[in-house]
Every structure is written in structure tokens, then in C-alpha cells.
């Protein structure tokens, strides 16, 4: 199943993610993840974990956010720099920056949320 970001639940989840509605993004993407096959299933799970991480961050749960970002990075490590139309390498770089700040408990200034593009 090729990943299609132009319509349906993936597109709606991307719109929610870009609007910082991370819980809703997670929900939309999960509906596709449930029926996906590998390797798309693992890739979508990584993106779902990113969205869930920032939902936790919005709810003041930095430890939960850091844990989910670490899990996401582990999954993304097996993918090329661009996969399914997503710039994986730049996403990983942003996630690592967030992780460093979360683990040091130094979010001033808070970096922008990673873009999924």
C-alpha cells in the first residue's frame, strides 16, 4: 500500500498535525496504521508516536513526550532520507533537537514543532 498524503485520513491527520492538533492527527493516522502492511505500518507508527509525543508535551508531560520521541527515532532509523513523500532525515534532526532540550529540561526557547513534509 503506497502512502498517499493527498486525501483521506492521512491528509486529514497531516492537516491536524500542521495545526498542532496532535491528538487528532494521531487518531487519523492510526486508522490507516491499523490496516497498513510493512514497511508502511512501522513508518506510520513512527509518525503516530511523534504526534502523540507532542500531545503529551502540550499536556505538560515532558517525560512521556521524550519517551515517545525516542521510540519514533528507533523506528525511523531504518528508513531512507525520504520515504513515502516525507523528508525523514530533516524530521529526525528536529526530533533529536527536541529530545536534547526535553532531556536537559531546557525548552527556552522552545524549538518549533518538527515539520512533516
N, C-alpha and C. Protein backbone atom coordinates (compact mmCIF):
# COMPACT_ATOMS: atom_id res chain seq x y z
N UNK A 1 0.84 -1.18 0.00
CA UNK A 1 0.00 0.00 0.00
C UNK A 1 0.89 1.25 0.00
N UNK A 2 0.95 1.98 -1.09
CA UNK A 2 1.72 3.21 -1.09
C UNK A 2 1.06 4.26 -0.20
N UNK A 3 1.88 5.07 0.41
CA UNK A 3 1.36 6.11 1.30
C UNK A 3 0.90 7.30 0.47
N UNK A 4 -0.36 7.66 0.63
CA UNK A 4 -0.96 8.77 -0.10
C UNK A 4 -1.38 9.87 0.87
N UNK A 5 -0.72 11.01 0.78
CA UNK A 5 -0.98 12.12 1.70
C UNK A 5 -1.98 13.13 1.14
N UNK A 6 -2.53 12.87 -0.06
CA UNK A 6 -3.36 13.87 -0.73
C UNK A 6 -4.82 13.89 -0.29
N UNK A 7 -5.30 12.76 0.23
CA UNK A 7 -6.71 12.73 0.65
C UNK A 7 -6.90 11.69 1.74
N UNK A 8 -8.08 11.63 2.27
CA UNK A 8 -8.41 10.64 3.28
C UNK A 8 -7.81 10.94 4.64
N UNK A 9 -7.70 9.88 5.43
CA UNK A 9 -7.27 10.02 6.83
C UNK A 9 -5.84 10.53 6.95
N UNK A 10 -4.95 10.14 6.03
CA UNK A 10 -3.57 10.63 6.12
C UNK A 10 -3.51 12.13 5.88
N UNK A 11 -4.24 12.62 4.88
CA UNK A 11 -4.27 14.05 4.60
C UNK A 11 -4.90 14.82 5.77
N UNK A 12 -5.97 14.28 6.31
CA UNK A 12 -6.64 14.95 7.44
C UNK A 12 -5.72 14.97 8.66
N UNK A 13 -5.03 13.86 8.90
CA UNK A 13 -4.07 13.82 10.01
C UNK A 13 -2.94 14.82 9.82
N UNK A 14 -2.46 14.95 8.59
CA UNK A 14 -1.40 15.91 8.31
C UNK A 14 -1.89 17.34 8.55
N UNK A 15 -3.11 17.62 8.13
CA UNK A 15 -3.68 18.95 8.38
C UNK A 15 -3.77 19.21 9.89
N UNK A 16 -4.23 18.22 10.64
CA UNK A 16 -4.32 18.37 12.09
C UNK A 16 -2.94 18.58 12.70
N UNK A 17 -1.97 17.79 12.27
CA UNK A 17 -0.61 17.92 12.79
C UNK A 17 -0.09 19.34 12.53
N UNK A 18 -0.27 19.83 11.33
CA UNK A 18 0.22 21.17 10.99
C UNK A 18 -0.48 22.25 11.79
N UNK A 19 -1.70 21.97 12.24
CA UNK A 19 -2.45 22.91 13.09
C UNK A 19 -2.21 22.67 14.58
N UNK A 20 -1.22 21.82 14.88
CA UNK A 20 -0.85 21.48 16.26
C UNK A 20 -1.99 20.81 17.02
N UNK A 21 -2.83 20.11 16.29
CA UNK A 21 -3.89 19.29 16.87
C UNK A 21 -3.37 17.86 16.87
N UNK A 22 -2.42 17.60 17.76
CA UNK A 22 -1.65 16.37 17.70
C UNK A 22 -2.46 15.12 18.05
N UNK A 23 -3.39 15.24 18.98
CA UNK A 23 -4.21 14.08 19.31
C UNK A 23 -5.05 13.67 18.11
N UNK A 24 -5.66 14.64 17.43
CA UNK A 24 -6.47 14.33 16.26
C UNK A 24 -5.63 13.74 15.13
N UNK A 25 -4.42 14.28 14.93
CA UNK A 25 -3.52 13.73 13.91
C UNK A 25 -3.26 12.26 14.21
N UNK A 26 -2.95 11.98 15.46
CA UNK A 26 -2.70 10.60 15.90
C UNK A 26 -3.88 9.71 15.57
N UNK A 27 -5.08 10.17 15.85
CA UNK A 27 -6.29 9.37 15.62
C UNK A 27 -6.49 9.08 14.13
N UNK A 28 -6.33 10.08 13.29
CA UNK A 28 -6.49 9.88 11.85
C UNK A 28 -5.46 8.89 11.32
N UNK A 29 -4.21 9.09 11.68
CA UNK A 29 -3.15 8.22 11.18
C UNK A 29 -3.30 6.79 11.70
N UNK A 30 -3.77 6.66 12.94
CA UNK A 30 -3.94 5.33 13.50
C UNK A 30 -4.97 4.51 12.72
N UNK A 31 -5.97 5.17 12.19
CA UNK A 31 -6.99 4.44 11.42
C UNK A 31 -6.38 3.81 10.17
N UNK A 32 -5.36 4.43 9.61
CA UNK A 32 -4.67 3.88 8.45
C UNK A 32 -3.65 2.84 8.91
N UNK A 33 -2.96 3.13 9.99
CA UNK A 33 -1.95 2.21 10.53
C UNK A 33 -2.55 0.83 10.83
N UNK A 34 -3.77 0.80 11.32
CA UNK A 34 -4.41 -0.46 11.69
C UNK A 34 -4.51 -1.44 10.52
N UNK A 35 -4.64 -0.92 9.31
CA UNK A 35 -4.79 -1.80 8.14
C UNK A 35 -3.55 -1.84 7.26
N UNK A 36 -2.54 -1.07 7.61
CA UNK A 36 -1.32 -1.00 6.79
C UNK A 36 -0.49 -2.27 6.93
N UNK A 37 0.35 -2.50 5.94
CA UNK A 37 1.31 -3.59 5.97
C UNK A 37 2.71 -3.01 6.02
N UNK A 38 3.66 -3.85 6.37
CA UNK A 38 5.05 -3.41 6.45
C UNK A 38 5.58 -3.11 5.05
N UNK A 39 6.46 -2.15 4.92
CA UNK A 39 7.10 -1.33 5.94
C UNK A 39 6.31 -0.07 6.31
N UNK A 40 5.20 0.17 5.59
CA UNK A 40 4.41 1.37 5.85
C UNK A 40 3.87 1.39 7.28
N UNK A 41 3.54 0.22 7.81
CA UNK A 41 2.99 0.14 9.17
C UNK A 41 3.98 0.71 10.19
N UNK A 42 5.23 0.31 10.09
CA UNK A 42 6.25 0.82 11.03
C UNK A 42 6.48 2.31 10.82
N UNK A 43 6.49 2.75 9.57
CA UNK A 43 6.70 4.17 9.29
C UNK A 43 5.56 5.00 9.87
N UNK A 44 4.33 4.58 9.64
CA UNK A 44 3.20 5.31 10.19
C UNK A 44 3.20 5.29 11.71
N UNK A 45 3.63 4.18 12.29
CA UNK A 45 3.71 4.11 13.75
C UNK A 45 4.69 5.16 14.28
N UNK A 46 5.79 5.35 13.58
CA UNK A 46 6.76 6.37 14.00
C UNK A 46 6.13 7.77 13.96
N UNK A 47 5.37 8.06 12.91
CA UNK A 47 4.73 9.37 12.81
C UNK A 47 3.65 9.53 13.87
N UNK A 48 2.93 8.47 14.14
CA UNK A 48 1.91 8.49 15.19
C UNK A 48 2.57 8.79 16.54
N UNK A 49 3.73 8.19 16.77
CA UNK A 49 4.45 8.44 18.03
C UNK A 49 4.91 9.89 18.13
N UNK A 50 5.29 10.49 17.02
CA UNK A 50 5.67 11.91 17.03
C UNK A 50 4.46 12.75 17.44
N UNK A 51 3.33 12.49 16.80
CA UNK A 51 2.12 13.25 17.13
C UNK A 51 1.73 13.04 18.59
N UNK A 52 1.78 11.81 19.05
CA UNK A 52 1.43 11.51 20.45
C UNK A 52 2.41 12.19 21.40
N UNK A 53 3.68 12.24 21.02
CA UNK A 53 4.69 12.90 21.87
C UNK A 53 4.33 14.37 22.09
N UNK A 54 3.96 15.05 21.02
CA UNK A 54 3.66 16.47 21.18
C UNK A 54 2.30 16.70 21.84
N UNK A 55 1.41 15.75 21.74
CA UNK A 55 0.18 15.82 22.54
C UNK A 55 0.55 15.74 24.03
N UNK A 56 1.44 14.81 24.38
CA UNK A 56 1.91 14.72 25.77
C UNK A 56 2.59 16.02 26.20
N UNK A 57 3.41 16.57 25.33
CA UNK A 57 4.09 17.83 25.67
C UNK A 57 3.07 18.94 25.94
N UNK A 58 2.04 19.03 25.10
CA UNK A 58 1.01 20.04 25.32
C UNK A 58 0.30 19.86 26.66
N UNK A 59 0.26 18.63 27.14
CA UNK A 59 -0.39 18.32 28.41
C UNK A 59 0.62 18.36 29.57
N UNK A 60 1.80 18.93 29.32
CA UNK A 60 2.85 19.13 30.34
C UNK A 60 3.49 17.83 30.80
N UNK A 61 3.51 16.82 29.93
CA UNK A 61 4.13 15.54 30.23
C UNK A 61 5.40 15.40 29.38
N UNK A 62 6.45 16.09 29.80
CA UNK A 62 7.70 16.10 29.04
C UNK A 62 8.37 14.73 29.01
N UNK A 63 8.28 13.98 30.09
CA UNK A 63 8.89 12.64 30.12
C UNK A 63 8.21 11.71 29.14
N UNK A 64 6.90 11.75 29.09
CA UNK A 64 6.16 10.94 28.13
C UNK A 64 6.49 11.35 26.70
N UNK A 65 6.62 12.66 26.47
CA UNK A 65 6.98 13.15 25.14
C UNK A 65 8.35 12.64 24.73
N UNK A 66 9.32 12.72 25.64
CA UNK A 66 10.68 12.27 25.33
C UNK A 66 10.69 10.77 25.02
N UNK A 67 9.98 10.00 25.79
CA UNK A 67 9.93 8.55 25.58
C UNK A 67 9.37 8.21 24.20
N UNK A 68 8.29 8.87 23.81
CA UNK A 68 7.69 8.61 22.51
C UNK A 68 8.59 9.08 21.36
N UNK A 69 9.28 10.20 21.55
CA UNK A 69 10.20 10.66 20.51
C UNK A 69 11.36 9.69 20.34
N UNK A 70 11.85 9.13 21.43
CA UNK A 70 12.92 8.13 21.33
C UNK A 70 12.45 6.90 20.58
N UNK A 71 11.24 6.45 20.87
CA UNK A 71 10.68 5.27 20.18
C UNK A 71 10.50 5.58 18.69
N UNK A 72 10.06 6.78 18.38
CA UNK A 72 9.88 7.18 16.99
C UNK A 72 11.21 7.16 16.24
N UNK A 73 12.24 7.70 16.86
CA UNK A 73 13.56 7.70 16.21
C UNK A 73 14.05 6.29 15.93
N UNK A 74 13.84 5.39 16.86
CA UNK A 74 14.25 4.00 16.64
C UNK A 74 13.57 3.42 15.40
N UNK A 75 12.31 3.73 15.22
CA UNK A 75 11.58 3.22 14.06
C UNK A 75 12.04 3.91 12.77
N UNK A 76 12.26 5.21 12.84
CA UNK A 76 12.65 5.96 11.64
C UNK A 76 14.07 5.63 11.16
N UNK A 77 14.91 5.13 12.06
CA UNK A 77 16.30 4.84 11.69
C UNK A 77 16.43 3.85 10.54
N UNK A 78 15.45 3.01 10.32
CA UNK A 78 15.55 2.01 9.27
C UNK A 78 15.06 2.51 7.91
N UNK A 79 14.64 3.77 7.85
CA UNK A 79 14.10 4.31 6.60
C UNK A 79 15.10 5.24 5.93
N UNK A 80 15.02 5.36 4.60
CA UNK A 80 15.92 6.27 3.88
C UNK A 80 15.60 7.73 4.20
N UNK A 81 16.41 8.63 3.67
CA UNK A 81 16.27 10.06 3.99
C UNK A 81 14.92 10.63 3.54
N UNK A 82 14.32 10.03 2.53
CA UNK A 82 12.97 10.40 2.10
C UNK A 82 12.19 9.10 1.92
N UNK A 83 11.02 9.04 2.53
CA UNK A 83 10.20 7.83 2.42
C UNK A 83 8.73 8.22 2.42
N UNK A 84 7.97 7.64 1.52
CA UNK A 84 6.54 7.91 1.47
C UNK A 84 6.21 9.38 1.28
N UNK A 85 7.12 10.09 0.63
CA UNK A 85 6.92 11.52 0.41
C UNK A 85 7.30 12.40 1.59
N UNK A 86 7.85 11.81 2.63
CA UNK A 86 8.20 12.55 3.86
C UNK A 86 9.72 12.68 3.95
N UNK A 87 10.19 13.86 4.29
CA UNK A 87 11.62 14.11 4.48
C UNK A 87 12.04 13.57 5.85
N UNK A 88 12.39 12.31 5.88
CA UNK A 88 12.69 11.60 7.12
C UNK A 88 13.92 12.20 7.81
N UNK A 89 14.96 12.49 7.05
CA UNK A 89 16.20 12.98 7.64
C UNK A 89 15.99 14.31 8.38
N UNK A 90 15.27 15.23 7.78
CA UNK A 90 15.03 16.51 8.47
C UNK A 90 14.11 16.32 9.67
N UNK A 91 13.17 15.40 9.57
CA UNK A 91 12.30 15.09 10.71
C UNK A 91 13.12 14.54 11.87
N UNK A 92 14.02 13.61 11.57
CA UNK A 92 14.88 13.04 12.62
C UNK A 92 15.74 14.12 13.28
N UNK A 93 16.25 15.03 12.50
CA UNK A 93 17.09 16.11 13.04
C UNK A 93 16.28 16.95 14.04
N UNK A 94 15.07 17.31 13.67
CA UNK A 94 14.21 18.10 14.56
C UNK A 94 13.84 17.32 15.82
N UNK A 95 13.55 16.04 15.65
CA UNK A 95 13.22 15.21 16.81
C UNK A 95 14.40 15.15 17.77
N UNK A 96 15.61 14.99 17.24
CA UNK A 96 16.79 14.95 18.09
C UNK A 96 16.99 16.26 18.84
N UNK A 97 16.74 17.38 18.18
CA UNK A 97 16.84 18.69 18.85
C UNK A 97 15.84 18.77 20.00
N UNK A 98 14.62 18.34 19.75
CA UNK A 98 13.60 18.33 20.80
C UNK A 98 14.00 17.42 21.95
N UNK A 99 14.49 16.25 21.61
CA UNK A 99 14.90 15.30 22.65
C UNK A 99 15.98 15.89 23.54
N UNK A 100 16.95 16.51 22.93
CA UNK A 100 18.04 17.11 23.70
C UNK A 100 17.48 18.14 24.67
N UNK A 101 16.60 18.98 24.19
CA UNK A 101 16.02 20.02 25.05
C UNK A 101 15.13 19.42 26.14
N UNK A 102 14.34 18.40 25.79
CA UNK A 102 13.48 17.76 26.79
C UNK A 102 14.31 17.07 27.87
N UNK A 103 15.35 16.36 27.46
CA UNK A 103 16.16 15.62 28.43
C UNK A 103 16.96 16.55 29.33
N UNK A 104 17.34 17.71 28.79
CA UNK A 104 18.05 18.71 29.60
C UNK A 104 17.08 19.61 30.36
N UNK A 105 15.78 19.44 30.09
CA UNK A 105 14.74 20.28 30.67
C UNK A 105 15.01 21.75 30.40
N UNK A 106 15.45 22.03 29.18
CA UNK A 106 15.78 23.39 28.75
C UNK A 106 15.02 23.70 27.47
N UNK A 107 13.81 24.18 27.62
CA UNK A 107 12.97 24.48 26.47
C UNK A 107 12.84 25.97 26.21
N UNK A 108 13.83 26.71 26.63
CA UNK A 108 13.81 28.14 26.40
C UNK A 108 15.00 28.52 25.53
N UNK A 109 14.78 28.91 24.32
CA UNK A 109 13.47 29.00 23.67
C UNK A 109 13.02 27.63 23.17
N UNK A 110 11.72 27.46 23.09
CA UNK A 110 11.17 26.20 22.61
C UNK A 110 11.36 26.14 21.11
N UNK A 111 11.93 25.03 20.63
CA UNK A 111 12.09 24.91 19.17
C UNK A 111 10.72 24.74 18.50
N UNK A 112 10.65 25.03 17.22
CA UNK A 112 9.37 24.78 16.51
C UNK A 112 9.11 23.28 16.47
N UNK A 113 7.84 22.94 16.42
CA UNK A 113 7.50 21.53 16.27
C UNK A 113 8.06 21.03 14.95
N UNK A 114 8.52 19.78 14.92
CA UNK A 114 9.05 19.24 13.66
C UNK A 114 7.99 19.28 12.56
N UNK A 115 8.43 19.66 11.40
CA UNK A 115 7.52 19.67 10.25
C UNK A 115 7.52 18.29 9.61
N UNK A 116 6.37 17.86 9.25
CA UNK A 116 6.24 16.62 8.48
C UNK A 116 5.88 17.08 7.08
N UNK A 117 6.86 16.90 6.16
CA UNK A 117 6.68 17.41 4.80
C UNK A 117 7.17 16.42 3.80
